[in-house]
Amino acid sequence: MSDLPPDLPRLRTLRTWHAMWVERLDEAIATAEQQEVERARGRARRPPPPD
């Protein structure tokens, strides 16, 4: 037995709502990945500590 509504309009509404959230999550993941790349690049370009 499913916890989902049986009618098509509500199922489509739920599908749209979830697709919007997946898009938001994908954007947040892409932003976090880009920030990590930039942090790694910054660490690699950091000059060595003075003697």
N, C-alpha and C. Protein backbone atom coordinates (compact mmCIF):
# COMPACT_ATOMS: atom_id res chain seq x y z
N MET A 1 0.84 -1.18 0.00
CA MET A 1 0.00 0.00 0.00
C MET A 1 0.89 1.25 0.00
N SER A 2 0.51 2.23 -0.76
CA SER A 2 1.30 3.45 -0.94
C SER A 2 0.77 4.57 -0.06
N ASP A 3 1.70 5.42 0.40
CA ASP A 3 1.32 6.61 1.16
C ASP A 3 1.01 7.78 0.24
N LEU A 4 1.12 7.56 -1.06
CA LEU A 4 0.89 8.63 -2.03
C LEU A 4 -0.59 8.77 -2.34
N PRO A 5 -1.00 9.98 -2.72
CA PRO A 5 -2.41 10.14 -3.08
C PRO A 5 -2.71 9.37 -4.37
N PRO A 6 -3.93 8.92 -4.53
CA PRO A 6 -4.26 8.10 -5.69
C PRO A 6 -4.59 8.90 -6.95
N ASP A 7 -4.87 10.19 -6.82
CA ASP A 7 -5.34 10.95 -7.98
C ASP A 7 -4.19 11.65 -8.70
N LEU A 8 -4.34 11.74 -10.00
CA LEU A 8 -3.31 12.28 -10.88
C LEU A 8 -2.95 13.74 -10.59
N PRO A 9 -3.89 14.64 -10.36
CA PRO A 9 -3.50 16.03 -10.10
C PRO A 9 -2.59 16.19 -8.89
N ARG A 10 -2.89 15.50 -7.81
CA ARG A 10 -2.04 15.62 -6.62
C ARG A 10 -0.70 14.94 -6.84
N LEU A 11 -0.68 13.84 -7.56
CA LEU A 11 0.59 13.19 -7.86
C LEU A 11 1.48 14.11 -8.70
N ARG A 12 0.90 14.79 -9.68
CA ARG A 12 1.68 15.72 -10.50
C ARG A 12 2.16 16.91 -9.68
N THR A 13 1.34 17.38 -8.77
CA THR A 13 1.76 18.48 -7.89
C THR A 13 2.96 18.05 -7.05
N LEU A 14 2.87 16.87 -6.47
CA LEU A 14 3.99 16.35 -5.67
C LEU A 14 5.24 16.18 -6.51
N ARG A 15 5.08 15.70 -7.73
CA ARG A 15 6.22 15.50 -8.61
C ARG A 15 6.89 16.84 -8.94
N THR A 16 6.08 17.87 -9.21
CA THR A 16 6.63 19.20 -9.50
C THR A 16 7.35 19.75 -8.29
N TRP A 17 6.74 19.63 -7.12
CA TRP A 17 7.33 20.14 -5.89
C TRP A 17 8.67 19.47 -5.61
N HIS A 18 8.72 18.16 -5.77
CA HIS A 18 9.97 17.43 -5.52
C HIS A 18 11.02 17.76 -6.57
N ALA A 19 10.61 17.94 -7.82
CA ALA A 19 11.57 18.32 -8.86
C ALA A 19 12.18 19.68 -8.54
N MET A 20 11.39 20.61 -8.02
CA MET A 20 11.92 21.92 -7.65
C MET A 20 12.96 21.77 -6.53
N TRP A 21 12.68 20.91 -5.56
CA TRP A 21 13.64 20.71 -4.48
C TRP A 21 14.92 20.04 -4.98
N VAL A 22 14.79 19.09 -5.90
CA VAL A 22 15.98 18.44 -6.45
C VAL A 22 16.84 19.48 -7.18
N GLU A 23 16.20 20.38 -7.91
CA GLU A 23 16.94 21.43 -8.60
C GLU A 23 17.67 22.33 -7.59
N ARG A 24 17.00 22.69 -6.52
CA ARG A 24 17.64 23.52 -5.48
C ARG A 24 18.81 22.78 -4.85
N LEU A 25 18.64 21.49 -4.60
CA LEU A 25 19.73 20.69 -4.03
C LEU A 25 20.91 20.61 -4.99
N ASP A 26 20.62 20.40 -6.28
CA ASP A 26 21.70 20.34 -7.28
C ASP A 26 22.47 21.65 -7.32
N GLU A 27 21.77 22.77 -7.24
CA GLU A 27 22.44 24.08 -7.24
C GLU A 27 23.31 24.25 -5.99
N ALA A 28 22.80 23.82 -4.84
CA ALA A 28 23.56 23.94 -3.60
C ALA A 28 24.80 23.04 -3.65
N ILE A 29 24.66 21.85 -4.21
CA ILE A 29 25.79 20.94 -4.34
C ILE A 29 26.84 21.54 -5.27
N ALA A 30 26.40 22.10 -6.40
CA ALA A 30 27.33 22.70 -7.34
C ALA A 30 28.07 23.87 -6.69
N THR A 31 27.38 24.68 -5.91
CA THR A 31 28.01 25.80 -5.22
C THR A 31 29.05 25.30 -4.21
N ALA A 32 28.69 24.29 -3.43
CA ALA A 32 29.61 23.74 -2.44
C ALA A 32 30.83 23.12 -3.11
N GLU A 33 30.61 22.43 -4.23
CA GLU A 33 31.74 21.83 -4.95
C GLU A 33 32.67 22.92 -5.49
N GLN A 34 32.10 23.99 -6.04
CA GLN A 34 32.91 25.08 -6.56
C GLN A 34 33.72 25.74 -5.45
N GLN A 35 33.09 25.93 -4.29
CA GLN A 35 33.80 26.53 -3.16
C GLN A 35 34.95 25.64 -2.71
N GLU A 36 34.74 24.33 -2.73
CA GLU A 36 35.80 23.39 -2.34
C GLU A 36 36.96 23.46 -3.34
N VAL A 37 36.64 23.54 -4.62
CA VAL A 37 37.69 23.66 -5.65
C VAL A 37 38.49 24.94 -5.41
N GLU A 38 37.80 26.04 -5.13
CA GLU A 38 38.48 27.31 -4.89
C GLU A 38 39.35 27.26 -3.63
N ARG A 39 38.86 26.61 -2.57
CA ARG A 39 39.66 26.47 -1.35
C ARG A 39 40.91 25.65 -1.62
N ALA A 40 40.75 24.55 -2.36
CA ALA A 40 41.90 23.70 -2.67
C ALA A 40 42.90 24.46 -3.53
N ARG A 41 42.41 25.22 -4.47
CA ARG A 41 43.29 26.02 -5.34
C ARG A 41 44.04 27.05 -4.49
N GLY A 42 43.34 27.67 -3.55
CA GLY A 42 43.99 28.64 -2.67
C GLY A 42 45.07 28.00 -1.81
N ARG A 43 44.79 26.80 -1.29
CA ARG A 43 45.81 26.10 -0.48
C ARG A 43 47.02 25.75 -1.33
N ALA A 44 46.78 25.33 -2.57
CA ALA A 44 47.90 24.94 -3.43
C ALA A 44 48.74 26.13 -3.82
N ARG A 45 48.16 27.30 -3.91
CA ARG A 45 48.89 28.51 -4.34
C ARG A 45 49.46 29.30 -3.16
N ARG A 46 49.18 28.86 -1.96
CA ARG A 46 49.67 29.57 -0.78
C ARG A 46 51.19 29.46 -0.72
N PRO A 47 51.87 30.58 -0.48
CA PRO A 47 53.33 30.49 -0.39
C PRO A 47 53.74 29.72 0.86
N PRO A 48 54.93 29.14 0.84
CA PRO A 48 55.39 28.39 2.01
C PRO A 48 55.60 29.34 3.19
N PRO A 49 55.48 28.82 4.40
CA PRO A 49 55.69 29.67 5.56
C PRO A 49 57.16 30.14 5.61
N PRO A 50 57.38 31.32 6.16
CA PRO A 50 58.77 31.81 6.26
C PRO A 50 59.60 30.94 7.20
N ASP A 51 60.85 30.94 6.97
CA ASP A 51 61.78 30.14 7.81
C ASP A 51 61.92 30.68 9.18
